[in-house]
Amino acid sequence: MGDFRIIIDAVGGHGQDRSKKDGETVNFFEGGNYAPEAYAKVLVAALQGSGCSVQSAKIIHWPADNYPQDRKAGEEIVDDLLTNTRKGCF
């Protein structure tokens, strides 16, 4: 028993509920459409259901380390999958 991290870098249609601004609650299942964020949320729930204590679960849109020429760390849009809260704006 110990702590672990799951890291998945992916490209594709993402950014559920884009009208939400910084600090607002995001609906990851908007319109019944399973965007990548919704699948990640389902995975988090499954991990919790298996007895794992999930300390942090976030979707980072356009991570700075993938775009060092265009973005600075801290400027990313971050959706917290535990609190459903967005940091930043599309």
C-alpha atoms as a PDB file:
ATOM      1  CA  MET A   1       0.000   0.000   0.000  1.00  0.00           C
ATOM      2  CA  GLY A   2       1.423   3.363  -0.964  1.00  0.00           C
ATOM      3  CA  ASP A   3       0.774   6.484  -2.933  1.00  0.00           C
ATOM      4  CA  PHE A   4       0.848   6.570  -6.729  1.00  0.00           C
ATOM      5  CA  ARG A   5       0.176   8.960  -9.597  1.00  0.00           C
ATOM      6  CA  ILE A   6      -1.567   8.398 -12.913  1.00  0.00           C
ATOM      7  CA  ILE A   7      -0.469  10.809 -15.646  1.00  0.00           C
ATOM      8  CA  ILE A   8      -2.105  10.790 -19.067  1.00  0.00           C
ATOM      9  CA  ASP A   9      -1.177  13.282 -21.777  1.00  0.00           C
ATOM     10  CA  ALA A  10      -3.799  13.306 -24.526  1.00  0.00           C
ATOM     11  CA  VAL A  11      -4.914  15.413 -27.493  1.00  0.00           C
ATOM     12  CA  GLY A  12      -8.515  15.731 -28.607  1.00  0.00           C
ATOM     13  CA  GLY A  13     -11.846  17.385 -28.010  1.00  0.00           C
ATOM     14  CA  HIS A  14     -11.787  18.702 -24.476  1.00  0.00           C
ATOM     15  CA  GLY A  15     -12.932  21.706 -22.477  1.00  0.00           C
ATOM     16  CA  GLN A  16     -16.356  20.728 -21.249  1.00  0.00           C
ATOM     17  CA  ASP A  17     -18.708  23.524 -20.159  1.00  0.00           C
ATOM     18  CA  ARG A  18     -16.398  26.244 -21.546  1.00  0.00           C
ATOM     19  CA  SER A  19     -18.723  29.071 -20.575  1.00  0.00           C
ATOM     20  CA  LYS A  20     -17.709  28.612 -16.936  1.00  0.00           C
ATOM     21  CA  LYS A  21     -15.168  31.105 -15.648  1.00  0.00           C
ATOM     22  CA  ASP A  22     -12.524  31.082 -12.937  1.00  0.00           C
ATOM     23  CA  GLY A  23     -13.925  29.689  -9.673  1.00  0.00           C
ATOM     24  CA  GLU A  24     -17.210  28.498 -11.169  1.00  0.00           C
ATOM     25  CA  THR A  25     -18.565  24.954 -10.945  1.00  0.00           C
ATOM     26  CA  VAL A  26     -18.124  22.903 -14.127  1.00  0.00           C
ATOM     27  CA  ASN A  27     -20.675  20.341 -15.325  1.00  0.00           C
ATOM     28  CA  PHE A  28     -18.468  17.584 -16.762  1.00  0.00           C
ATOM     29  CA  PHE A  29     -21.532  15.687 -18.032  1.00  0.00           C
ATOM     30  CA  GLU A  30     -23.076  18.661 -19.863  1.00  0.00           C
ATOM     31  CA  GLY A  31     -25.792  17.530 -22.254  1.00  0.00           C
ATOM     32  CA  GLY A  32     -24.957  13.888 -21.617  1.00  0.00           C
ATOM     33  CA  ASN A  33     -21.857  14.313 -23.769  1.00  0.00           C
ATOM     34  CA  TYR A  34     -18.940  12.297 -22.423  1.00  0.00           C
ATOM     35  CA  ALA A  35     -16.001  14.585 -23.037  1.00  0.00           C
ATOM     36  CA  PRO A  36     -12.533  13.480 -21.845  1.00  0.00           C
ATOM     37  CA  GLU A  37     -13.103  15.296 -18.555  1.00  0.00           C
ATOM     38  CA  ALA A  38     -16.226  13.221 -17.889  1.00  0.00           C
ATOM     39  CA  TYR A  39     -14.342   9.970 -18.505  1.00  0.00           C
ATOM     40  CA  ALA A  40     -11.596  11.137 -16.147  1.00  0.00           C
ATOM     41  CA  LYS A  41     -14.233  11.940 -13.520  1.00  0.00           C
ATOM     42  CA  VAL A  42     -15.675   8.419 -13.903  1.00  0.00           C
ATOM     43  CA  LEU A  43     -12.167   6.978 -13.429  1.00  0.00           C
ATOM     44  CA  VAL A  44     -11.708   9.033 -10.254  1.00  0.00           C
ATOM     45  CA  ALA A  45     -15.037   7.764  -8.902  1.00  0.00           C
ATOM     46  CA  ALA A  46     -14.024   4.172  -9.743  1.00  0.00           C
ATOM     47  CA  LEU A  47     -10.718   4.597  -7.922  1.00  0.00           C
ATOM     48  CA  GLN A  48     -12.537   5.986  -4.901  1.00  0.00           C
ATOM     49  CA  GLY A  49     -15.014   3.103  -5.075  1.00  0.00           C
ATOM     50  CA  SER A  50     -12.158   0.611  -5.043  1.00  0.00           C
ATOM     51  CA  GLY A  51     -10.957   2.021  -1.733  1.00  0.00           C
ATOM     52  CA  CYS A  52      -8.330   4.450  -2.984  1.00  0.00           C
ATOM     53  CA  SER A  53      -8.134   7.803  -1.260  1.00  0.00           C
ATOM     54  CA  VAL A  54      -7.812  10.252  -4.144  1.00  0.00           C
ATOM     55  CA  GLN A  55      -5.835  13.266  -2.971  1.00  0.00           C
ATOM     56  CA  SER A  56      -5.926  15.273  -6.192  1.00  0.00           C
ATOM     57  CA  ALA A  57      -7.519  14.865  -9.620  1.00  0.00           C
ATOM     58  CA  LYS A  58      -7.168  17.617 -12.203  1.00  0.00           C
ATOM     59  CA  ILE A  59      -7.471  18.209 -15.914  1.00  0.00           C
ATOM     60  CA  ILE A  60      -4.865  20.726 -17.088  1.00  0.00           C
ATOM     61  CA  HIS A  61      -5.785  22.291 -20.435  1.00  0.00           C
ATOM     62  CA  TRP A  62      -2.846  23.206 -22.660  1.00  0.00           C
ATOM     63  CA  PRO A  63      -0.181  22.394 -20.049  1.00  0.00           C
ATOM     64  CA  ALA A  64       2.723  24.834 -20.154  1.00  0.00           C
ATOM     65  CA  ASP A  65       5.322  22.082 -20.276  1.00  0.00           C
ATOM     66  CA  ASN A  66       3.804  20.881 -23.582  1.00  0.00           C
ATOM     67  CA  TYR A  67       3.960  24.400 -25.063  1.00  0.00           C
ATOM     68  CA  PRO A  68       7.076  26.033 -23.600  1.00  0.00           C
ATOM     69  CA  GLN A  69       7.304  28.518 -26.464  1.00  0.00           C
ATOM     70  CA  ASP A  70       3.708  29.740 -26.053  1.00  0.00           C
ATOM     71  CA  ARG A  71       2.706  29.334 -22.416  1.00  0.00           C
ATOM     72  CA  LYS A  72       4.002  30.025 -18.963  1.00  0.00           C
ATOM     73  CA  ALA A  73       3.497  27.773 -15.966  1.00  0.00           C
ATOM     74  CA  GLY A  74       0.478  28.895 -13.975  1.00  0.00           C
ATOM     75  CA  GLU A  75      -1.382  30.227 -17.026  1.00  0.00           C
ATOM     76  CA  GLU A  76      -3.075  26.915 -17.757  1.00  0.00           C
ATOM     77  CA  ILE A  77      -6.791  26.315 -17.300  1.00  0.00           C
ATOM     78  CA  VAL A  78      -7.226  23.721 -14.549  1.00  0.00           C
ATOM     79  CA  ASP A  79     -10.414  21.796 -13.823  1.00  0.00           C
ATOM     80  CA  ASP A  80     -10.465  20.146 -10.401  1.00  0.00           C
ATOM     81  CA  LEU A  81     -12.263  16.806 -10.742  1.00  0.00           C
ATOM     82  CA  LEU A  82     -12.882  16.545  -6.978  1.00  0.00           C
ATOM     83  CA  THR A  83     -14.450  19.972  -6.422  1.00  0.00           C
ATOM     84  CA  ASN A  84     -15.669  20.533 -10.043  1.00  0.00           C
ATOM     85  CA  THR A  85     -14.105  23.991  -9.882  1.00  0.00           C
ATOM     86  CA  ARG A  86     -12.324  25.712 -12.775  1.00  0.00           C
ATOM     87  CA  LYS A  87      -9.205  27.852 -12.397  1.00  0.00           C
ATOM     88  CA  GLY A  88      -8.734  30.172 -15.364  1.00  0.00           C
ATOM     89  CA  CYS A  89     -10.896  30.833 -18.420  1.00  0.00           C
ATOM     90  CA  PHE A  90     -11.065  29.564 -21.979  1.00  0.00           C
END
